[in-house]
PDB file of all heavy atoms in Angstrom:
ATOM      1  N   PHE A   1     -21.479 -12.231  -4.592  1.00  0.00           N
ATOM      2  CA  PHE A   1     -20.237 -13.005  -4.519  1.00  0.00           C
ATOM      3  C   PHE A   1     -19.298 -12.485  -3.439  1.00  0.00           C
ATOM      4  O   PHE A   1     -18.475 -13.224  -2.920  1.00  0.00           O
ATOM      5  CB  PHE A   1     -19.523 -12.997  -5.877  1.00  0.00           C
ATOM      6  CG  PHE A   1     -18.811 -11.712  -6.180  1.00  0.00           C
ATOM      7  CD1 PHE A   1     -17.457 -11.568  -5.906  1.00  0.00           C
ATOM      8  CD2 PHE A   1     -19.476 -10.643  -6.740  1.00  0.00           C
ATOM      9  CE1 PHE A   1     -16.808 -10.393  -6.185  1.00  0.00           C
ATOM     10  CE2 PHE A   1     -18.828  -9.459  -7.020  1.00  0.00           C
ATOM     11  CZ  PHE A   1     -17.487  -9.332  -6.752  1.00  0.00           C
ATOM     12  N   ALA A   2     -19.397 -11.180  -3.106  1.00  0.00           N
ATOM     13  CA  ALA A   2     -18.481 -10.612  -2.120  1.00  0.00           C
ATOM     14  C   ALA A   2     -19.150 -10.345  -0.787  1.00  0.00           C
ATOM     15  O   ALA A   2     -18.503  -9.864   0.134  1.00  0.00           O
ATOM     16  CB  ALA A   2     -17.879  -9.309  -2.659  1.00  0.00           C
ATOM     17  N   SER A   3     -20.427 -10.678  -0.673  1.00  0.00           N
ATOM     18  CA  SER A   3     -21.160 -10.305   0.537  1.00  0.00           C
ATOM     19  C   SER A   3     -20.678 -11.051   1.763  1.00  0.00           C
ATOM     20  O   SER A   3     -20.819 -10.568   2.883  1.00  0.00           O
ATOM     21  CB  SER A   3     -22.656 -10.552   0.327  1.00  0.00           C
ATOM     22  OG  SER A   3     -22.890 -11.934   0.055  1.00  0.00           O
ATOM     23  N   SER A   4     -20.099 -12.229   1.565  1.00  0.00           N
ATOM     24  CA  SER A   4     -19.640 -13.012   2.709  1.00  0.00           C
ATOM     25  C   SER A   4     -18.145 -12.898   2.945  1.00  0.00           C
ATOM     26  O   SER A   4     -17.607 -13.548   3.839  1.00  0.00           O
ATOM     27  CB  SER A   4     -20.011 -14.489   2.502  1.00  0.00           C
ATOM     28  OG  SER A   4     -19.379 -14.985   1.333  1.00  0.00           O
ATOM     29  N   ILE A   5     -17.458 -12.077   2.146  1.00  0.00           N
ATOM     30  CA  ILE A   5     -16.003 -11.937   2.262  1.00  0.00           C
ATOM     31  C   ILE A   5     -15.695 -10.686   3.056  1.00  0.00           C
ATOM     32  O   ILE A   5     -16.154  -9.597   2.705  1.00  0.00           O
ATOM     33  CB  ILE A   5     -15.347 -11.856   0.868  1.00  0.00           C
ATOM     34  CG1 ILE A   5     -15.718 -13.078   0.031  1.00  0.00           C
ATOM     35  CG2 ILE A   5     -13.837 -11.726   1.001  1.00  0.00           C
ATOM     36  CD1 ILE A   5     -15.208 -12.999  -1.386  1.00  0.00           C
ATOM     37  N   PRO A   6     -14.932 -10.781   4.145  1.00  0.00           N
ATOM     38  CA  PRO A   6     -14.572  -9.578   4.908  1.00  0.00           C
ATOM     39  C   PRO A   6     -13.658  -8.680   4.085  1.00  0.00           C
ATOM     40  O   PRO A   6     -12.930  -9.132   3.214  1.00  0.00           O
ATOM     41  CB  PRO A   6     -13.866 -10.138   6.144  1.00  0.00           C
ATOM     42  CG  PRO A   6     -13.346 -11.468   5.710  1.00  0.00           C
ATOM     43  CD  PRO A   6     -14.348 -12.012   4.732  1.00  0.00           C
ATOM     44  N   GLY A   7     -13.670  -7.421   4.375  1.00  0.00           N
ATOM     45  CA  GLY A   7     -12.844  -6.465   3.647  1.00  0.00           C
ATOM     46  C   GLY A   7     -13.692  -5.325   3.120  1.00  0.00           C
ATOM     47  O   GLY A   7     -14.840  -5.138   3.511  1.00  0.00           O
ATOM     48  N   ILE A   8     -13.117  -4.555   2.201  1.00  0.00           N
ATOM     49  CA  ILE A   8     -13.821  -3.432   1.583  1.00  0.00           C
ATOM     50  C   ILE A   8     -14.160  -3.825   0.155  1.00  0.00           C
ATOM     51  O   ILE A   8     -13.274  -4.164  -0.632  1.00  0.00           O
ATOM     52  CB  ILE A   8     -12.962  -2.154   1.604  1.00  0.00           C
ATOM     53  CG1 ILE A   8     -12.583  -1.793   3.041  1.00  0.00           C
ATOM     54  CG2 ILE A   8     -13.697  -0.992   0.950  1.00  0.00           C
ATOM     55  CD1 ILE A   8     -11.653  -0.608   3.153  1.00  0.00           C
ATOM     56  N   HIS A   9     -15.425  -3.785  -0.172  1.00  0.00           N
ATOM     57  CA  HIS A   9     -15.867  -4.201  -1.504  1.00  0.00           C
ATOM     58  C   HIS A   9     -16.774  -3.122  -2.083  1.00  0.00           C
ATOM     59  O   HIS A   9     -17.938  -3.018  -1.726  1.00  0.00           O
ATOM     60  CB  HIS A   9     -16.597  -5.542  -1.430  1.00  0.00           C
ATOM     61  CG  HIS A   9     -15.775  -6.640  -0.841  1.00  0.00           C
ATOM     62  ND1 HIS A   9     -14.847  -7.344  -1.563  1.00  0.00           N
ATOM     63  CD2 HIS A   9     -15.725  -7.130   0.432  1.00  0.00           C
ATOM     64  CE1 HIS A   9     -14.263  -8.240  -0.778  1.00  0.00           C
ATOM     65  NE2 HIS A   9     -14.777  -8.126   0.439  1.00  0.00           N
ATOM     66  N   VAL A  10     -16.195  -2.323  -2.983  1.00  0.00           N
ATOM     67  CA  VAL A  10     -16.921  -1.240  -3.639  1.00  0.00           C
ATOM     68  C   VAL A  10     -17.059  -1.593  -5.110  1.00  0.00           C
ATOM     69  O   VAL A  10     -16.177  -2.229  -5.704  1.00  0.00           O
ATOM     70  CB  VAL A  10     -16.185   0.106  -3.457  1.00  0.00           C
ATOM     71  CG1 VAL A  10     -16.924   1.241  -4.148  1.00  0.00           C
ATOM     72  CG2 VAL A  10     -16.011   0.418  -1.971  1.00  0.00           C
ATOM     73  N   ASN A  11     -18.161  -1.188  -5.712  1.00  0.00           N
ATOM     74  CA  ASN A  11     -18.420  -1.493  -7.107  1.00  0.00           C
ATOM     75  C   ASN A  11     -17.279  -1.028  -8.008  1.00  0.00           C
ATOM     76  O   ASN A  11     -16.676   0.022  -7.790  1.00  0.00           O
ATOM     77  CB  ASN A  11     -19.738  -0.837  -7.532  1.00  0.00           C
ATOM     78  CG  ASN A  11     -20.101  -1.161  -8.963  1.00  0.00           C
ATOM     79  OD1 ASN A  11     -19.712  -0.460  -9.879  1.00  0.00           O
ATOM     80  ND2 ASN A  11     -20.851  -2.244  -9.144  1.00  0.00           N
ATOM     81  N   PHE A  12     -17.025  -1.793  -9.048  1.00  0.00           N
ATOM     82  CA  PHE A  12     -15.911  -1.547  -9.958  1.00  0.00           C
ATOM     83  C   PHE A  12     -15.941  -0.134 -10.538  1.00  0.00           C
ATOM     84  O   PHE A  12     -14.911   0.552 -10.584  1.00  0.00           O
ATOM     85  CB  PHE A  12     -15.944  -2.582 -11.095  1.00  0.00           C
ATOM     86  CG  PHE A  12     -14.985  -2.308 -12.207  1.00  0.00           C
ATOM     87  CD1 PHE A  12     -13.642  -2.647 -12.093  1.00  0.00           C
ATOM     88  CD2 PHE A  12     -15.412  -1.703 -13.383  1.00  0.00           C
ATOM     89  CE1 PHE A  12     -12.757  -2.396 -13.129  1.00  0.00           C
ATOM     90  CE2 PHE A  12     -14.537  -1.444 -14.419  1.00  0.00           C
ATOM     91  CZ  PHE A  12     -13.202  -1.795 -14.294  1.00  0.00           C
ATOM     92  N   LEU A  13     -17.096   0.324 -10.999  1.00  0.00           N
ATOM     93  CA  LEU A  13     -17.186   1.648 -11.622  1.00  0.00           C
ATOM     94  C   LEU A  13     -16.862   2.760 -10.632  1.00  0.00           C
ATOM     95  O   LEU A  13     -16.216   3.753 -10.987  1.00  0.00           O
ATOM     96  CB  LEU A  13     -18.579   1.860 -12.214  1.00  0.00           C
ATOM     97  CG  LEU A  13     -18.930   1.004 -13.433  1.00  0.00           C
ATOM     98  CD1 LEU A  13     -20.330   1.324 -13.917  1.00  0.00           C
ATOM     99  CD2 LEU A  13     -17.913   1.213 -14.562  1.00  0.00           C
ATOM    100  N   ILE A  14     -17.300   2.588  -9.389  1.00  0.00           N
ATOM    101  CA  ILE A  14     -17.005   3.596  -8.368  1.00  0.00           C
ATOM    102  C   ILE A  14     -15.508   3.638  -8.090  1.00  0.00           C
ATOM    103  O   ILE A  14     -14.909   4.710  -7.968  1.00  0.00           O
ATOM    104  CB  ILE A  14     -17.803   3.312  -7.085  1.00  0.00           C
ATOM    105  CG1 ILE A  14     -19.307   3.414  -7.354  1.00  0.00           C
ATOM    106  CG2 ILE A  14     -17.406   4.279  -5.964  1.00  0.00           C
ATOM    107  CD1 ILE A  14     -20.166   3.082  -6.161  1.00  0.00           C
ATOM    108  N   VAL A  15     -14.890   2.460  -8.000  1.00  0.00           N
ATOM    109  CA  VAL A  15     -13.441   2.416  -7.766  1.00  0.00           C
ATOM    110  C   VAL A  15     -12.693   3.036  -8.934  1.00  0.00           C
ATOM    111  O   VAL A  15     -11.659   3.697  -8.759  1.00  0.00           O
ATOM    112  CB  VAL A  15     -12.978   0.968  -7.524  1.00  0.00           C
ATOM    113  CG1 VAL A  15     -11.464   0.922  -7.316  1.00  0.00           C
ATOM    114  CG2 VAL A  15     -13.681   0.379  -6.321  1.00  0.00           C
ATOM    115  N   LEU A  16     -13.209   2.832 -10.158  1.00  0.00           N
ATOM    116  CA  LEU A  16     -12.576   3.418 -11.333  1.00  0.00           C
ATOM    117  C   LEU A  16     -12.540   4.947 -11.216  1.00  0.00           C
ATOM    118  O   LEU A  16     -11.524   5.591 -11.515  1.00  0.00           O
ATOM    119  CB  LEU A  16     -13.355   3.005 -12.584  1.00  0.00           C
ATOM    120  CG  LEU A  16     -12.559   2.841 -13.881  1.00  0.00           C
ATOM    121  CD1 LEU A  16     -11.502   1.759 -13.731  1.00  0.00           C
ATOM    122  CD2 LEU A  16     -13.502   2.490 -15.026  1.00  0.00           C
ATOM    123  N   VAL A  17     -13.629   5.529 -10.749  1.00  0.00           N
ATOM    124  CA  VAL A  17     -13.690   6.984 -10.558  1.00  0.00           C
ATOM    125  C   VAL A  17     -12.743   7.419  -9.437  1.00  0.00           C
ATOM    126  O   VAL A  17     -12.045   8.432  -9.551  1.00  0.00           O
ATOM    127  CB  VAL A  17     -15.134   7.423 -10.255  1.00  0.00           C
ATOM    128  CG1 VAL A  17     -15.181   8.907  -9.899  1.00  0.00           C
ATOM    129  CG2 VAL A  17     -16.042   7.133 -11.439  1.00  0.00           C
ATOM    130  N   ILE A  18     -12.714   6.631  -8.352  1.00  0.00           N
ATOM    131  CA  ILE A  18     -11.801   6.956  -7.242  1.00  0.00           C
ATOM    132  C   ILE A  18     -10.353   6.904  -7.708  1.00  0.00           C
ATOM    133  O   ILE A  18      -9.533   7.773  -7.366  1.00  0.00           O
ATOM    134  CB  ILE A  18     -12.032   5.990  -6.065  1.00  0.00           C
ATOM    135  CG1 ILE A  18     -13.434   6.184  -5.479  1.00  0.00           C
ATOM    136  CG2 ILE A  18     -10.983   6.205  -4.977  1.00  0.00           C
ATOM    137  CD1 ILE A  18     -13.806   5.165  -4.423  1.00  0.00           C
ATOM    138  N   ALA A  19     -10.026   5.891  -8.506  1.00  0.00           N
ATOM    139  CA  ALA A  19      -8.658   5.760  -9.018  1.00  0.00           C
ATOM    140  C   ALA A  19      -8.289   6.958  -9.886  1.00  0.00           C
ATOM    141  O   ALA A  19      -7.175   7.503  -9.786  1.00  0.00           O
ATOM    142  CB  ALA A  19      -8.515   4.468  -9.810  1.00  0.00           C
ATOM    143  N   ALA A  20      -9.227   7.389 -10.752  1.00  0.00           N
ATOM    144  CA  ALA A  20      -8.958   8.555 -11.600  1.00  0.00           C
ATOM    145  C   ALA A  20      -8.743   9.799 -10.745  1.00  0.00           C
ATOM    146  O   ALA A  20      -7.842  10.610 -11.021  1.00  0.00           O
ATOM    147  CB  ALA A  20     -10.112   8.764 -12.581  1.00  0.00           C
ATOM    148  N   ALA A  21      -9.546   9.955  -9.689  1.00  0.00           N
ATOM    149  CA  ALA A  21      -9.426  11.137  -8.826  1.00  0.00           C
ATOM    150  C   ALA A  21      -8.100  11.134  -8.068  1.00  0.00           C
ATOM    151  O   ALA A  21      -7.417  12.169  -7.972  1.00  0.00           O
ATOM    152  CB  ALA A  21     -10.594  11.192  -7.847  1.00  0.00           C
ATOM    153  N   LEU A  22      -7.712   9.972  -7.526  1.00  0.00           N
ATOM    154  CA  LEU A  22      -6.465   9.895  -6.755  1.00  0.00           C
ATOM    155  C   LEU A  22      -5.246  10.135  -7.640  1.00  0.00           C
ATOM    156  O   LEU A  22      -4.299  10.821  -7.236  1.00  0.00           O
ATOM    157  CB  LEU A  22      -6.358   8.539  -6.060  1.00  0.00           C
ATOM    158  CG  LEU A  22      -7.302   8.307  -4.872  1.00  0.00           C
ATOM    159  CD1 LEU A  22      -7.098   6.909  -4.297  1.00  0.00           C
ATOM    160  CD2 LEU A  22      -7.068   9.354  -3.781  1.00  0.00           C
ATOM    161  N   THR A  23      -5.249   9.567  -8.835  1.00  0.00           N
ATOM    162  CA  THR A  23      -4.095   9.764  -9.717  1.00  0.00           C
ATOM    163  C   THR A  23      -4.032  11.204 -10.225  1.00  0.00           C
ATOM    164  O   THR A  23      -2.941  11.759 -10.407  1.00  0.00           O
ATOM    165  CB  THR A  23      -4.148   8.786 -10.894  1.00  0.00           C
ATOM    166  OG1 THR A  23      -5.458   8.797 -11.470  1.00  0.00           O
ATOM    167  CG2 THR A  23      -3.808   7.378 -10.453  1.00  0.00           C
ATOM    168  N   THR A  24      -5.193  11.803 -10.469  1.00  0.00           N
ATOM    169  CA  THR A  24      -5.192  13.220 -10.852  1.00  0.00           C
ATOM    170  C   THR A  24      -4.606  14.077  -9.735  1.00  0.00           C
ATOM    171  O   THR A  24      -3.795  14.981  -9.986  1.00  0.00           O
ATOM    172  CB  THR A  24      -6.615  13.691 -11.173  1.00  0.00           C
ATOM    173  OG1 THR A  24      -7.150  12.908 -12.243  1.00  0.00           O
ATOM    174  CG2 THR A  24      -6.629  15.160 -11.565  1.00  0.00           C
ATOM    175  N   LEU A  25      -5.005  13.781  -8.497  1.00  0.00           N
ATOM    176  CA  LEU A  25      -4.460  14.519  -7.350  1.00  0.00           C
ATOM    177  C   LEU A  25      -2.953  14.308  -7.246  1.00  0.00           C
ATOM    178  O   LEU A  25      -2.197  15.264  -7.012  1.00  0.00           O
ATOM    179  CB  LEU A  25      -5.150  14.055  -6.070  1.00  0.00           C
ATOM    180  CG  LEU A  25      -4.687  14.725  -4.765  1.00  0.00           C
ATOM    181  CD1 LEU A  25      -4.951  16.222  -4.815  1.00  0.00           C
ATOM    182  CD2 LEU A  25      -5.387  14.090  -3.567  1.00  0.00           C
ATOM    183  N   ALA A  26      -2.503  13.072  -7.442  1.00  0.00           N
ATOM    184  CA  ALA A  26      -1.061  12.802  -7.407  1.00  0.00           C
ATOM    185  C   ALA A  26      -0.340  13.555  -8.520  1.00  0.00           C
ATOM    186  O   ALA A  26       0.758  14.092  -8.314  1.00  0.00           O
ATOM    187  CB  ALA A  26      -0.810  11.298  -7.533  1.00  0.00           C
ATOM    188  N   GLY A  27      -0.964  13.607  -9.707  1.00  0.00           N
ATOM    189  CA  GLY A  27      -0.353  14.337 -10.810  1.00  0.00           C
ATOM    190  C   GLY A  27      -0.231  15.823 -10.517  1.00  0.00           C
ATOM    191  O   GLY A  27       0.778  16.448 -10.851  1.00  0.00           O
ATOM    192  N   ILE A  28      -1.252  16.386  -9.876  1.00  0.00           N
ATOM    193  CA  ILE A  28      -1.205  17.813  -9.528  1.00  0.00           C
ATOM    194  C   ILE A  28      -0.126  18.073  -8.487  1.00  0.00           C
ATOM    195  O   ILE A  28       0.636  19.043  -8.578  1.00  0.00           O
ATOM    196  CB  ILE A  28      -2.585  18.275  -9.024  1.00  0.00           C
ATOM    197  CG1 ILE A  28      -3.603  18.250 -10.171  1.00  0.00           C
ATOM    198  CG2 ILE A  28      -2.499  19.670  -8.412  1.00  0.00           C
ATOM    199  CD1 ILE A  28      -5.017  18.536  -9.733  1.00  0.00           C
ATOM    200  N   ILE A  29      -0.042  17.192  -7.483  1.00  0.00           N
ATOM    201  CA  ILE A  29       0.949  17.381  -6.412  1.00  0.00           C
ATOM    202  C   ILE A  29       2.365  17.328  -6.961  1.00  0.00           C
ATOM    203  O   ILE A  29       3.220  18.155  -6.631  1.00  0.00           O
ATOM    204  CB  ILE A  29       0.739  16.328  -5.309  1.00  0.00           C
ATOM    205  CG1 ILE A  29      -0.586  16.589  -4.578  1.00  0.00           C
ATOM    206  CG2 ILE A  29       1.903  16.343  -4.321  1.00  0.00           C
ATOM    207  CD1 ILE A  29      -0.945  15.520  -3.574  1.00  0.00           C
ATOM    208  N   ILE A  30       2.644  16.339  -7.826  1.00  0.00           N
ATOM    209  CA  ILE A  30       3.998  16.232  -8.364  1.00  0.00           C
ATOM    210  C   ILE A  30       4.231  17.263  -9.463  1.00  0.00           C
ATOM    211  O   ILE A  30       5.351  17.730  -9.686  1.00  0.00           O
ATOM    212  CB  ILE A  30       4.267  14.811  -8.895  1.00  0.00           C
ATOM    213  CG1 ILE A  30       5.742  14.629  -9.284  1.00  0.00           C
ATOM    214  CG2 ILE A  30       3.394  14.501 -10.094  1.00  0.00           C
ATOM    215  CD1 ILE A  30       6.708  14.746  -8.145  1.00  0.00           C
ATOM    216  N   GLY A  31       3.144  17.674 -10.146  1.00  0.00           N
ATOM    217  CA  GLY A  31       3.293  18.589 -11.264  1.00  0.00           C
ATOM    218  C   GLY A  31       3.512  20.032 -10.873  1.00  0.00           C
ATOM    219  O   GLY A  31       4.211  20.769 -11.575  1.00  0.00           O
ATOM    220  N   LEU A  32       2.923  20.472  -9.759  1.00  0.00           N
ATOM    221  CA  LEU A  32       3.034  21.881  -9.373  1.00  0.00           C
ATOM    222  C   LEU A  32       4.484  22.351  -9.281  1.00  0.00           C
ATOM    223  O   LEU A  32       4.829  23.404  -9.836  1.00  0.00           O
ATOM    224  CB  LEU A  32       2.290  22.125  -8.056  1.00  0.00           C
ATOM    225  CG  LEU A  32       0.775  22.346  -8.185  1.00  0.00           C
ATOM    226  CD1 LEU A  32       0.121  22.406  -6.815  1.00  0.00           C
ATOM    227  CD2 LEU A  32       0.497  23.644  -8.956  1.00  0.00           C
ATOM    228  N   PRO A  33       5.368  21.616  -8.592  1.00  0.00           N
ATOM    229  CA  PRO A  33       6.765  22.073  -8.582  1.00  0.00           C
ATOM    230  C   PRO A  33       7.543  21.640  -9.814  1.00  0.00           C
ATOM    231  O   PRO A  33       8.482  22.322 -10.234  1.00  0.00           O
ATOM    232  CB  PRO A  33       7.334  21.418  -7.316  1.00  0.00           C
ATOM    233  CG  PRO A  33       6.526  20.171  -7.143  1.00  0.00           C
ATOM    234  CD  PRO A  33       5.155  20.494  -7.646  1.00  0.00           C
TER     235      PRO A  33
END
């Protein structure tokens, strides 16, 4: 369904892991101080 659409299309589960990693990193950055 996304093969003909330009842009970045990564599988939902992979994005879910990326989202968890980015928010964890944001939490650490804001949490340290």
